[in-house]
Amino acid sequence: MAIIDIVDLKVRTIIGTHPWERENKQELIINISLEYDASKASRSDNLKDAIDYEQITKAVIKTVENSQCHLLEKLAAKVMDKIKGFQGLQKVSLRIDKPQALAEARSISYIING
């Protein structure tokens, strides 16, 4: 098995339950680990045999930007469903950080695995 990590993907969206959060986009930081069998791609050197992380990244950005979830739990479920639609993935780990959630903390994180 191999793992591809998409690290610190920054996306802006409406997220949260407070009135100001419903009016102003916030930056989220997304980290994704994609586990898959890379043996065929490592032999062929052909993208069609690999996980196309660029396409996955574009799908994640579009999903997040077009959402207006109240909770990170809901947003993470939507993103995970989108990622799992790509063929060949064995396991996915998703972490979404919300830097503006608490004034007293650098960020809060929500992590989901599947």
PDB file of N, CA and C in Angstrom:
ATOM      1  N   MET A   1       0.831  -1.182   0.000  1.00  0.00           N
ATOM      2  CA  MET A   1       0.000   0.000   0.000  1.00  0.00           C
ATOM      3  C   MET A   1       0.880   1.251   0.000  1.00  0.00           C
ATOM      4  N   ALA A   2       0.337   2.298  -0.553  1.00  0.00           N
ATOM      5  CA  ALA A   2       1.012   3.589  -0.584  1.00  0.00           C
ATOM      6  C   ALA A   2       0.055   4.655  -0.065  1.00  0.00           C
ATOM      7  N   ILE A   3       0.599   5.765   0.374  1.00  0.00           N
ATOM      8  CA  ILE A   3      -0.220   6.866   0.871  1.00  0.00           C
ATOM      9  C   ILE A   3       0.196   8.141   0.153  1.00  0.00           C
ATOM     10  N   ILE A   4      -0.796   8.854  -0.325  1.00  0.00           N
ATOM     11  CA  ILE A   4      -0.596  10.200  -0.855  1.00  0.00           C
ATOM     12  C   ILE A   4      -1.237  11.146   0.143  1.00  0.00           C
ATOM     13  N   ASP A   5      -0.486  12.152   0.586  1.00  0.00           N
ATOM     14  CA  ASP A   5      -1.012  13.161   1.497  1.00  0.00           C
ATOM     15  C   ASP A   5      -1.193  14.477   0.757  1.00  0.00           C
ATOM     16  N   ILE A   6      -2.373  15.041   0.884  1.00  0.00           N
ATOM     17  CA  ILE A   6      -2.652  16.399   0.418  1.00  0.00           C
ATOM     18  C   ILE A   6      -2.596  17.248   1.681  1.00  0.00           C
ATOM     19  N   VAL A   7      -1.636  18.180   1.738  1.00  0.00           N
ATOM     20  CA  VAL A   7      -1.324  18.871   2.984  1.00  0.00           C
ATOM     21  C   VAL A   7      -1.680  20.360   2.912  1.00  0.00           C
ATOM     22  N   ASP A   8      -2.434  20.794   3.905  1.00  0.00           N
ATOM     23  CA  ASP A   8      -2.763  22.209   4.118  1.00  0.00           C
ATOM     24  C   ASP A   8      -3.456  22.871   2.925  1.00  0.00           C
ATOM     25  N   LEU A   9      -4.449  22.184   2.408  1.00  0.00           N
ATOM     26  CA  LEU A   9      -5.280  22.746   1.344  1.00  0.00           C
ATOM     27  C   LEU A   9      -6.172  23.824   1.957  1.00  0.00           C
ATOM     28  N   LYS A  10      -6.078  25.040   1.465  1.00  0.00           N
ATOM     29  CA  LYS A  10      -6.848  26.157   2.019  1.00  0.00           C
ATOM     30  C   LYS A  10      -8.054  26.437   1.132  1.00  0.00           C
ATOM     31  N   VAL A  11      -9.229  26.441   1.782  1.00  0.00           N
ATOM     32  CA  VAL A  11     -10.484  26.661   1.067  1.00  0.00           C
ATOM     33  C   VAL A  11     -11.360  27.581   1.912  1.00  0.00           C
ATOM     34  N   ARG A  12     -12.033  28.509   1.264  1.00  0.00           N
ATOM     35  CA  ARG A  12     -12.929  29.432   1.973  1.00  0.00           C
ATOM     36  C   ARG A  12     -14.382  29.027   1.725  1.00  0.00           C
ATOM     37  N   THR A  13     -15.165  29.089   2.819  1.00  0.00           N
ATOM     38  CA  THR A  13     -16.581  28.715   2.714  1.00  0.00           C
ATOM     39  C   THR A  13     -17.368  29.297   3.878  1.00  0.00           C
ATOM     40  N   ILE A  14     -18.676  29.219   3.761  1.00  0.00           N
ATOM     41  CA  ILE A  14     -19.568  29.544   4.878  1.00  0.00           C
ATOM     42  C   ILE A  14     -19.641  28.307   5.759  1.00  0.00           C
ATOM     43  N   ILE A  15     -19.284  28.458   7.038  1.00  0.00           N
ATOM     44  CA  ILE A  15     -19.313  27.342   7.983  1.00  0.00           C
ATOM     45  C   ILE A  15     -19.531  27.906   9.383  1.00  0.00           C
ATOM     46  N   GLY A  16     -20.423  27.286  10.132  1.00  0.00           N
ATOM     47  CA  GLY A  16     -20.619  27.699  11.515  1.00  0.00           C
ATOM     48  C   GLY A  16     -22.067  27.985  11.844  1.00  0.00           C
ATOM     49  N   THR A  17     -22.309  28.203  13.126  1.00  0.00           N
ATOM     50  CA  THR A  17     -23.671  28.406  13.619  1.00  0.00           C
ATOM     51  C   THR A  17     -23.950  29.835  14.056  1.00  0.00           C
ATOM     52  N   HIS A  18     -22.914  30.621  14.293  1.00  0.00           N
ATOM     53  CA  HIS A  18     -23.103  32.007  14.732  1.00  0.00           C
ATOM     54  C   HIS A  18     -23.534  32.882  13.547  1.00  0.00           C
ATOM     55  N   PRO A  19     -24.323  33.932  13.813  1.00  0.00           N
ATOM     56  CA  PRO A  19     -24.784  34.807  12.712  1.00  0.00           C
ATOM     57  C   PRO A  19     -23.647  35.342  11.836  1.00  0.00           C
ATOM     58  N   TRP A  20     -22.532  35.764  12.448  1.00  0.00           N
ATOM     59  CA  TRP A  20     -21.428  36.299  11.637  1.00  0.00           C
ATOM     60  C   TRP A  20     -20.825  35.227  10.740  1.00  0.00           C
ATOM     61  N   GLU A  21     -20.887  33.958  11.181  1.00  0.00           N
ATOM     62  CA  GLU A  21     -20.339  32.861  10.374  1.00  0.00           C
ATOM     63  C   GLU A  21     -21.215  32.560   9.162  1.00  0.00           C
ATOM     64  N   ARG A  22     -22.474  32.911   9.243  1.00  0.00           N
ATOM     65  CA  ARG A  22     -23.391  32.674   8.129  1.00  0.00           C
ATOM     66  C   ARG A  22     -23.255  33.755   7.058  1.00  0.00           C
ATOM     67  N   GLU A  23     -22.586  34.852   7.401  1.00  0.00           N
ATOM     68  CA  GLU A  23     -22.451  35.980   6.469  1.00  0.00           C
ATOM     69  C   GLU A  23     -21.065  36.105   5.856  1.00  0.00           C
ATOM     70  N   ASN A  24     -20.064  35.542   6.528  1.00  0.00           N
ATOM     71  CA  ASN A  24     -18.676  35.722   6.098  1.00  0.00           C
ATOM     72  C   ASN A  24     -17.999  34.376   5.874  1.00  0.00           C
ATOM     73  N   LYS A  25     -17.354  34.252   4.729  1.00  0.00           N
ATOM     74  CA  LYS A  25     -16.598  33.025   4.472  1.00  0.00           C
ATOM     75  C   LYS A  25     -15.397  32.964   5.402  1.00  0.00           C
ATOM     76  N   GLN A  26     -15.085  31.738   5.827  1.00  0.00           N
ATOM     77  CA  GLN A  26     -13.916  31.491   6.658  1.00  0.00           C
ATOM     78  C   GLN A  26     -12.974  30.557   5.915  1.00  0.00           C
ATOM     79  N   GLU A  27     -11.706  30.683   6.218  1.00  0.00           N
ATOM     80  CA  GLU A  27     -10.732  29.769   5.650  1.00  0.00           C
ATOM     81  C   GLU A  27     -10.684  28.496   6.483  1.00  0.00           C
ATOM     82  N   LEU A  28     -10.759  27.368   5.800  1.00  0.00           N
ATOM     83  CA  LEU A  28     -10.559  26.060   6.410  1.00  0.00           C
ATOM     84  C   LEU A  28      -9.271  25.494   5.855  1.00  0.00           C
ATOM     85  N   ILE A  29      -8.602  24.681   6.647  1.00  0.00           N
ATOM     86  CA  ILE A  29      -7.381  24.014   6.200  1.00  0.00           C
ATOM     87  C   ILE A  29      -7.667  22.517   6.210  1.00  0.00           C
ATOM     88  N   ILE A  30      -7.496  21.900   5.052  1.00  0.00           N
ATOM     89  CA  ILE A  30      -7.882  20.505   4.870  1.00  0.00           C
ATOM     90  C   ILE A  30      -6.638  19.658   4.589  1.00  0.00           C
ATOM     91  N   ASN A  31      -6.551  18.545   5.295  1.00  0.00           N
ATOM     92  CA  ASN A  31      -5.489  17.570   5.079  1.00  0.00           C
ATOM     93  C   ASN A  31      -6.133  16.228   4.782  1.00  0.00           C
ATOM     94  N   ILE A  32      -5.658  15.571   3.740  1.00  0.00           N
ATOM     95  CA  ILE A  32      -6.248  14.317   3.286  1.00  0.00           C
ATOM     96  C   ILE A  32      -5.141  13.291   3.068  1.00  0.00           C
ATOM     97  N   SER A  33      -5.334  12.086   3.591  1.00  0.00           N
ATOM     98  CA  SER A  33      -4.436  10.966   3.306  1.00  0.00           C
ATOM     99  C   SER A  33      -5.207   9.943   2.491  1.00  0.00           C
ATOM    100  N   LEU A  34      -4.641   9.567   1.368  1.00  0.00           N
ATOM    101  CA  LEU A  34      -5.266   8.624   0.447  1.00  0.00           C
ATOM    102  C   LEU A  34      -4.401   7.367   0.391  1.00  0.00           C
ATOM    103  N   GLU A  35      -4.941   6.259   0.839  1.00  0.00           N
ATOM    104  CA  GLU A  35      -4.193   4.999   0.820  1.00  0.00           C
ATOM    105  C   GLU A  35      -4.689   4.157  -0.350  1.00  0.00           C
ATOM    106  N   TYR A  36      -3.729   3.615  -1.131  1.00  0.00           N
ATOM    107  CA  TYR A  36      -4.102   2.808  -2.294  1.00  0.00           C
ATOM    108  C   TYR A  36      -2.955   1.881  -2.688  1.00  0.00           C
ATOM    109  N   ASP A  37      -3.286   0.936  -3.527  1.00  0.00           N
ATOM    110  CA  ASP A  37      -2.290   0.001  -4.042  1.00  0.00           C
ATOM    111  C   ASP A  37      -1.606   0.662  -5.240  1.00  0.00           C
ATOM    112  N   ALA A  38      -0.373   1.074  -5.054  1.00  0.00           N
ATOM    113  CA  ALA A  38       0.368   1.801  -6.091  1.00  0.00           C
ATOM    114  C   ALA A  38       1.256   0.895  -6.936  1.00  0.00           C
ATOM    115  N   SER A  39       1.145  -0.404  -6.763  1.00  0.00           N
ATOM    116  CA  SER A  39       2.068  -1.310  -7.458  1.00  0.00           C
ATOM    117  C   SER A  39       1.958  -1.196  -8.981  1.00  0.00           C
ATOM    118  N   LYS A  40       0.757  -1.121  -9.516  1.00  0.00           N
ATOM    119  CA  LYS A  40       0.594  -1.019 -10.966  1.00  0.00           C
ATOM    120  C   LYS A  40       1.160   0.304 -11.489  1.00  0.00           C
ATOM    121  N   ALA A  41       0.866   1.402 -10.792  1.00  0.00           N
ATOM    122  CA  ALA A  41       1.377   2.711 -11.215  1.00  0.00           C
ATOM    123  C   ALA A  41       2.899   2.776 -11.123  1.00  0.00           C
ATOM    124  N   SER A  42       3.457   2.128 -10.118  1.00  0.00           N
ATOM    125  CA  SER A  42       4.916   2.179  -9.970  1.00  0.00           C
ATOM    126  C   SER A  42       5.628   1.399 -11.083  1.00  0.00           C
ATOM    127  N   ARG A  43       4.923   0.446 -11.678  1.00  0.00           N
ATOM    128  CA  ARG A  43       5.509  -0.303 -12.807  1.00  0.00           C
ATOM    129  C   ARG A  43       5.267   0.417 -14.135  1.00  0.00           C
ATOM    130  N   SER A  44       4.059   0.948 -14.313  1.00  0.00           N
ATOM    131  CA  SER A  44       3.684   1.507 -15.616  1.00  0.00           C
ATOM    132  C   SER A  44       4.109   2.964 -15.804  1.00  0.00           C
ATOM    133  N   ASP A  45       4.236   3.714 -14.700  1.00  0.00           N
ATOM    134  CA  ASP A  45       4.538   5.141 -14.772  1.00  0.00           C
ATOM    135  C   ASP A  45       3.459   5.889 -15.555  1.00  0.00           C
ATOM    136  N   ASN A  46       2.200   5.424 -15.398  1.00  0.00           N
ATOM    137  CA  ASN A  46       1.076   5.983 -16.138  1.00  0.00           C
ATOM    138  C   ASN A  46       0.018   6.473 -15.148  1.00  0.00           C
ATOM    139  N   LEU A  47      -0.448   7.704 -15.346  1.00  0.00           N
ATOM    140  CA  LEU A  47      -1.425   8.302 -14.441  1.00  0.00           C
ATOM    141  C   LEU A  47      -2.709   7.490 -14.350  1.00  0.00           C
ATOM    142  N   LYS A  48      -3.100   6.830 -15.425  1.00  0.00           N
ATOM    143  CA  LYS A  48      -4.345   6.060 -15.395  1.00  0.00           C
ATOM    144  C   LYS A  48      -4.277   4.887 -14.409  1.00  0.00           C
ATOM    145  N   ASP A  49      -3.079   4.518 -14.003  1.00  0.00           N
ATOM    146  CA  ASP A  49      -2.899   3.434 -13.034  1.00  0.00           C
ATOM    147  C   ASP A  49      -2.706   3.948 -11.606  1.00  0.00           C
ATOM    148  N   ALA A  50      -2.747   5.256 -11.437  1.00  0.00           N
ATOM    149  CA  ALA A  50      -2.492   5.878 -10.136  1.00  0.00           C
ATOM    150  C   ALA A  50      -3.750   6.581  -9.626  1.00  0.00           C
ATOM    151  N   ILE A  51      -3.632   7.151  -8.460  1.00  0.00           N
ATOM    152  CA  ILE A  51      -4.683   8.008  -7.908  1.00  0.00           C
ATOM    153  C   ILE A  51      -4.401   9.418  -8.405  1.00  0.00           C
ATOM    154  N   ASP A  52      -5.385  10.028  -9.062  1.00  0.00           N
ATOM    155  CA  ASP A  52      -5.210  11.377  -9.594  1.00  0.00           C
ATOM    156  C   ASP A  52      -5.547  12.385  -8.494  1.00  0.00           C
ATOM    157  N   TYR A  53      -4.542  12.744  -7.719  1.00  0.00           N
ATOM    158  CA  TYR A  53      -4.771  13.620  -6.578  1.00  0.00           C
ATOM    159  C   TYR A  53      -5.193  15.031  -6.995  1.00  0.00           C
ATOM    160  N   GLU A  54      -4.843  15.435  -8.216  1.00  0.00           N
ATOM    161  CA  GLU A  54      -5.282  16.751  -8.690  1.00  0.00           C
ATOM    162  C   GLU A  54      -6.801  16.770  -8.860  1.00  0.00           C
ATOM    163  N   GLN A  55      -7.356  15.714  -9.447  1.00  0.00           N
ATOM    164  CA  GLN A  55      -8.811  15.647  -9.620  1.00  0.00           C
ATOM    165  C   GLN A  55      -9.524  15.571  -8.273  1.00  0.00           C
ATOM    166  N   ILE A  56      -8.964  14.807  -7.343  1.00  0.00           N
ATOM    167  CA  ILE A  56      -9.557  14.703  -6.007  1.00  0.00           C
ATOM    168  C   ILE A  56      -9.528  16.074  -5.329  1.00  0.00           C
ATOM    169  N   THR A  57      -8.409  16.774  -5.426  1.00  0.00           N
ATOM    170  CA  THR A  57      -8.281  18.099  -4.822  1.00  0.00           C
ATOM    171  C   THR A  57      -9.306  19.064  -5.404  1.00  0.00           C
ATOM    172  N   LYS A  58      -9.458  19.073  -6.717  1.00  0.00           N
ATOM    173  CA  LYS A  58     -10.446  19.953  -7.352  1.00  0.00           C
ATOM    174  C   LYS A  58     -11.863  19.628  -6.888  1.00  0.00           C
ATOM    175  N   ALA A  59     -12.183  18.341  -6.743  1.00  0.00           N
ATOM    176  CA  ALA A  59     -13.506  17.930  -6.284  1.00  0.00           C
ATOM    177  C   ALA A  59     -13.743  18.368  -4.837  1.00  0.00           C
ATOM    178  N   VAL A  60     -12.719  18.257  -4.009  1.00  0.00           N
ATOM    179  CA  VAL A  60     -12.834  18.686  -2.606  1.00  0.00           C
ATOM    180  C   VAL A  60     -13.052  20.192  -2.534  1.00  0.00           C
ATOM    181  N   ILE A  61     -12.266  20.957  -3.274  1.00  0.00           N
ATOM    182  CA  ILE A  61     -12.405  22.418  -3.281  1.00  0.00           C
ATOM    183  C   ILE A  61     -13.821  22.804  -3.694  1.00  0.00           C
ATOM    184  N   LYS A  62     -14.316  22.234  -4.766  1.00  0.00           N
ATOM    185  CA  LYS A  62     -15.656  22.562  -5.255  1.00  0.00           C
ATOM    186  C   LYS A  62     -16.718  22.195  -4.213  1.00  0.00           C
ATOM    187  N   THR A  63     -16.596  21.028  -3.598  1.00  0.00           N
ATOM    188  CA  THR A  63     -17.561  20.589  -2.590  1.00  0.00           C
ATOM    189  C   THR A  63     -17.585  21.546  -1.405  1.00  0.00           C
ATOM    190  N   VAL A  64     -16.403  21.920  -0.920  1.00  0.00           N
ATOM    191  CA  VAL A  64     -16.323  22.810   0.246  1.00  0.00           C
ATOM    192  C   VAL A  64     -16.817  24.207  -0.105  1.00  0.00           C
ATOM    193  N   GLU A  65     -16.353  24.753  -1.217  1.00  0.00           N
ATOM    194  CA  GLU A  65     -16.757  26.111  -1.599  1.00  0.00           C
ATOM    195  C   GLU A  65     -18.264  26.230  -1.821  1.00  0.00           C
ATOM    196  N   ASN A  66     -18.899  25.171  -2.309  1.00  0.00           N
ATOM    197  CA  ASN A  66     -20.331  25.219  -2.595  1.00  0.00           C
ATOM    198  C   ASN A  66     -21.206  24.818  -1.407  1.00  0.00           C
ATOM    199  N   SER A  67     -20.602  24.449  -0.313  1.00  0.00           N
ATOM    200  CA  SER A  67     -21.382  24.054   0.861  1.00  0.00           C
ATOM    201  C   SER A  67     -21.651  25.266   1.742  1.00  0.00           C
ATOM    202  N   GLN A  68     -22.634  25.131   2.585  1.00  0.00           N
ATOM    203  CA  GLN A  68     -22.910  26.146   3.604  1.00  0.00           C
ATOM    204  C   GLN A  68     -23.356  25.421   4.871  1.00  0.00           C
ATOM    205  N   CYS A  69     -22.542  24.488   5.302  1.00  0.00           N
ATOM    206  CA  CYS A  69     -22.867  23.661   6.469  1.00  0.00           C
ATOM    207  C   CYS A  69     -22.737  24.463   7.755  1.00  0.00           C
ATOM    208  N   HIS A  70     -23.496  24.056   8.734  1.00  0.00           N
ATOM    209  CA  HIS A  70     -23.370  24.628  10.063  1.00  0.00           C
ATOM    210  C   HIS A  70     -22.249  23.947  10.845  1.00  0.00           C
ATOM    211  N   LEU A  71     -22.098  22.642  10.661  1.00  0.00           N
ATOM    212  CA  LEU A  71     -21.161  21.860  11.453  1.00  0.00           C
ATOM    213  C   LEU A  71     -20.039  21.265  10.606  1.00  0.00           C
ATOM    214  N   LEU A  72     -18.853  21.186  11.194  1.00  0.00           N
ATOM    215  CA  LEU A  72     -17.743  20.514  10.522  1.00  0.00           C
ATOM    216  C   LEU A  72     -18.053  19.048  10.275  1.00  0.00           C
ATOM    217  N   GLU A  73     -18.826  18.432  11.172  1.00  0.00           N
ATOM    218  CA  GLU A  73     -19.190  17.028  11.013  1.00  0.00           C
ATOM    219  C   GLU A  73     -19.932  16.794   9.698  1.00  0.00           C
ATOM    220  N   LYS A  74     -20.855  17.678   9.371  1.00  0.00           N
ATOM    221  CA  LYS A  74     -21.629  17.561   8.130  1.00  0.00           C
ATOM    222  C   LYS A  74     -20.729  17.810   6.918  1.00  0.00           C
ATOM    223  N   LEU A  75     -19.921  18.842   6.996  1.00  0.00           N
ATOM    224  CA  LEU A  75     -19.026  19.152   5.883  1.00  0.00           C
ATOM    225  C   LEU A  75     -18.050  18.009   5.642  1.00  0.00           C
ATOM    226  N   ALA A  76     -17.486  17.466   6.706  1.00  0.00           N
ATOM    227  CA  ALA A  76     -16.532  16.357   6.556  1.00  0.00           C
ATOM    228  C   ALA A  76     -17.203  15.149   5.919  1.00  0.00           C
ATOM    229  N   ALA A  77     -18.441  14.867   6.294  1.00  0.00           N
ATOM    230  CA  ALA A  77     -19.165  13.737   5.692  1.00  0.00           C
ATOM    231  C   ALA A  77     -19.367  13.963   4.196  1.00  0.00           C
ATOM    232  N   LYS A  78     -19.699  15.197   3.803  1.00  0.00           N
ATOM    233  CA  LYS A  78     -19.877  15.510   2.382  1.00  0.00           C
ATOM    234  C   LYS A  78     -18.568  15.340   1.608  1.00  0.00           C
ATOM    235  N   VAL A  79     -17.488  15.837   2.187  1.00  0.00           N
ATOM    236  CA  VAL A  79     -16.182  15.737   1.534  1.00  0.00           C
ATOM    237  C   VAL A  79     -15.756  14.276   1.429  1.00  0.00           C
ATOM    238  N   MET A  80     -15.949  13.528   2.501  1.00  0.00           N
ATOM    239  CA  MET A  80     -15.572  12.113   2.497  1.00  0.00           C
ATOM    240  C   MET A  80     -16.375  11.347   1.435  1.00  0.00           C
ATOM    241  N   ASP A  81     -17.662  11.618   1.327  1.00  0.00           N
ATOM    242  CA  ASP A  81     -18.472  10.968   0.296  1.00  0.00           C
ATOM    243  C   ASP A  81     -17.941  11.276  -1.102  1.00  0.00           C
ATOM    244  N   LYS A  82     -17.544  12.515  -1.320  1.00  0.00           N
ATOM    245  CA  LYS A  82     -17.007  12.915  -2.628  1.00  0.00           C
ATOM    246  C   LYS A  82     -15.696  12.173  -2.918  1.00  0.00           C
ATOM    247  N   ILE A  83     -14.815  12.121  -1.941  1.00  0.00           N
ATOM    248  CA  ILE A  83     -13.525  11.448  -2.133  1.00  0.00           C
ATOM    249  C   ILE A  83     -13.728   9.959  -2.386  1.00  0.00           C
ATOM    250  N   LYS A  84     -14.617   9.337  -1.631  1.00  0.00           N
ATOM    251  CA  LYS A  84     -14.832   7.894  -1.754  1.00  0.00           C
ATOM    252  C   LYS A  84     -15.440   7.509  -3.102  1.00  0.00           C
ATOM    253  N   GLY A  85     -15.915   8.489  -3.863  1.00  0.00           N
ATOM    254  CA  GLY A  85     -16.424   8.237  -5.198  1.00  0.00           C
ATOM    255  C   GLY A  85     -15.327   7.947  -6.207  1.00  0.00           C
ATOM    256  N   PHE A  86     -14.084   8.193  -5.849  1.00  0.00           N
ATOM    257  CA  PHE A  86     -12.954   7.921  -6.730  1.00  0.00           C
ATOM    258  C   PHE A  86     -12.527   6.471  -6.578  1.00  0.00           C
ATOM    259  N   GLN A  87     -12.279   5.820  -7.686  1.00  0.00           N
ATOM    260  CA  GLN A  87     -11.916   4.402  -7.701  1.00  0.00           C
ATOM    261  C   GLN A  87     -10.498   4.165  -7.196  1.00  0.00           C
ATOM    262  N   GLY A  88     -10.309   3.017  -6.562  1.00  0.00           N
ATOM    263  CA  GLY A  88      -8.980   2.553  -6.205  1.00  0.00           C
ATOM    264  C   GLY A  88      -8.511   2.905  -4.809  1.00  0.00           C
ATOM    265  N   LEU A  89      -9.274   3.695  -4.084  1.00  0.00           N
ATOM    266  CA  LEU A  89      -8.854   4.073  -2.735  1.00  0.00           C
ATOM    267  C   LEU A  89      -9.179   2.958  -1.749  1.00  0.00           C
ATOM    268  N   GLN A  90      -8.216   2.633  -0.910  1.00  0.00           N
ATOM    269  CA  GLN A  90      -8.403   1.615   0.122  1.00  0.00           C
ATOM    270  C   GLN A  90      -8.869   2.244   1.430  1.00  0.00           C
ATOM    271  N   LYS A  91      -8.309   3.413   1.746  1.00  0.00           N
ATOM    272  CA  LYS A  91      -8.603   4.081   3.004  1.00  0.00           C
ATOM    273  C   LYS A  91      -8.387   5.576   2.823  1.00  0.00           C
ATOM    274  N   VAL A  92      -9.217   6.369   3.495  1.00  0.00           N
ATOM    275  CA  VAL A  92      -9.104   7.825   3.431  1.00  0.00           C
ATOM    276  C   VAL A  92      -9.137   8.369   4.855  1.00  0.00           C
ATOM    277  N   SER A  93      -8.272   9.319   5.121  1.00  0.00           N
ATOM    278  CA  SER A  93      -8.295  10.053   6.379  1.00  0.00           C
ATOM    279  C   SER A  93      -8.419  11.529   6.031  1.00  0.00           C
ATOM    280  N   LEU A  94      -9.347  12.201   6.706  1.00  0.00           N
ATOM    281  CA  LEU A  94      -9.643  13.598   6.405  1.00  0.00           C
ATOM    282  C   LEU A  94      -9.581  14.407   7.689  1.00  0.00           C
ATOM    283  N   ARG A  95      -8.860  15.507   7.648  1.00  0.00           N
ATOM    284  CA  ARG A  95      -8.801  16.434   8.787  1.00  0.00           C
ATOM    285  C   ARG A  95      -9.159  17.818   8.281  1.00  0.00           C
ATOM    286  N   ILE A  96     -10.123  18.449   8.945  1.00  0.00           N
ATOM    287  CA  ILE A  96     -10.499  19.816   8.607  1.00  0.00           C
ATOM    288  C   ILE A  96     -10.227  20.694   9.824  1.00  0.00           C
ATOM    289  N   ASP A  97      -9.412  21.731   9.617  1.00  0.00           N
ATOM    290  CA  ASP A  97      -9.115  22.693  10.668  1.00  0.00           C
ATOM    291  C   ASP A  97      -9.890  23.979  10.419  1.00  0.00           C
ATOM    292  N   LYS A  98     -10.425  24.523  11.508  1.00  0.00           N
ATOM    293  CA  LYS A  98     -11.163  25.780  11.465  1.00  0.00           C
ATOM    294  C   LYS A  98     -10.414  26.776  12.359  1.00  0.00           C
ATOM    295  N   PRO A  99      -9.490  27.562  11.775  1.00  0.00           N
ATOM    296  CA  PRO A  99      -8.644  28.443  12.574  1.00  0.00           C
ATOM    297  C   PRO A  99      -9.384  29.537  13.344  1.00  0.00           C
ATOM    298  N   GLN A 100     -10.521  29.973  12.870  1.00  0.00           N
ATOM    299  CA  GLN A 100     -11.226  31.080  13.517  1.00  0.00           C
ATOM    300  C   GLN A 100     -12.271  30.615  14.532  1.00  0.00           C
ATOM    301  N   ALA A 101     -12.279  29.333  14.864  1.00  0.00           N
ATOM    302  CA  ALA A 101     -13.332  28.808  15.741  1.00  0.00           C
ATOM    303  C   ALA A 101     -13.244  29.330  17.167  1.00  0.00           C
ATOM    304  N   LEU A 102     -12.053  29.413  17.721  1.00  0.00           N
ATOM    305  CA  LEU A 102     -11.863  29.864  19.099  1.00  0.00           C
ATOM    306  C   LEU A 102     -10.753  30.896  19.160  1.00  0.00           C
ATOM    307  N   ALA A 103     -11.009  32.011  19.804  1.00  0.00           N
ATOM    308  CA  ALA A 103      -9.990  33.047  19.934  1.00  0.00           C
ATOM    309  C   ALA A 103      -8.805  32.557  20.753  1.00  0.00           C
ATOM    310  N   GLU A 104      -9.050  31.636  21.662  1.00  0.00           N
ATOM    311  CA  GLU A 104      -8.015  31.173  22.567  1.00  0.00           C
ATOM    312  C   GLU A 104      -7.150  30.041  21.992  1.00  0.00           C
ATOM    313  N   ALA A 105      -7.491  29.538  20.835  1.00  0.00           N
ATOM    314  CA  ALA A 105      -6.762  28.418  20.243  1.00  0.00           C
ATOM    315  C   ALA A 105      -6.360  28.756  18.810  1.00  0.00           C
ATOM    316  N   ARG A 106      -5.255  28.187  18.368  1.00  0.00           N
ATOM    317  CA  ARG A 106      -4.806  28.399  16.982  1.00  0.00           C
ATOM    318  C   ARG A 106      -5.824  27.854  15.994  1.00  0.00           C
ATOM    319  N   SER A 107      -6.463  26.709  16.379  1.00  0.00           N
ATOM    320  CA  SER A 107      -7.421  26.073  15.484  1.00  0.00           C
ATOM    321  C   SER A 107      -8.156  24.987  16.242  1.00  0.00           C
ATOM    322  N   ILE A 108      -9.280  24.572  15.703  1.00  0.00           N
ATOM    323  CA  ILE A 108      -9.911  23.323  16.127  1.00  0.00           C
ATOM    324  C   ILE A 108      -9.888  22.410  14.918  1.00  0.00           C
ATOM    325  N   SER A 109      -9.845  21.115  15.177  1.00  0.00           N
ATOM    326  CA  SER A 109      -9.758  20.132  14.085  1.00  0.00           C
ATOM    327  C   SER A 109     -10.849  19.099  14.241  1.00  0.00           C
ATOM    328  N   TYR A 110     -11.343  18.654  13.107  1.00  0.00           N
ATOM    329  CA  TYR A 110     -12.268  17.524  13.063  1.00  0.00           C
ATOM    330  C   TYR A 110     -11.638  16.496  12.142  1.00  0.00           C
ATOM    331  N   ILE A 111     -11.541  15.244  12.617  1.00  0.00           N
ATOM    332  CA  ILE A 111     -10.890  14.179  11.859  1.00  0.00           C
ATOM    333  C   ILE A 111     -11.876  13.035  11.657  1.00  0.00           C
ATOM    334  N   ILE A 112     -11.912  12.519  10.434  1.00  0.00           N
ATOM    335  CA  ILE A 112     -12.757  11.381  10.103  1.00  0.00           C
ATOM    336  C   ILE A 112     -11.948  10.411   9.247  1.00  0.00           C
ATOM    337  N   ASN A 113     -12.140   9.128   9.478  1.00  0.00           N
ATOM    338  CA  ASN A 113     -11.438   8.087   8.729  1.00  0.00           C
ATOM    339  C   ASN A 113     -12.450   7.158   8.077  1.00  0.00           C
ATOM    340  N   GLY A 114     -12.083   6.658   6.932  1.00  0.00           N
ATOM    341  CA  GLY A 114     -12.986   5.730   6.273  1.00  0.00           C
ATOM    342  C   GLY A 114     -12.300   4.951   5.184  1.00  0.00           C
TER     343      GLY A 114
END
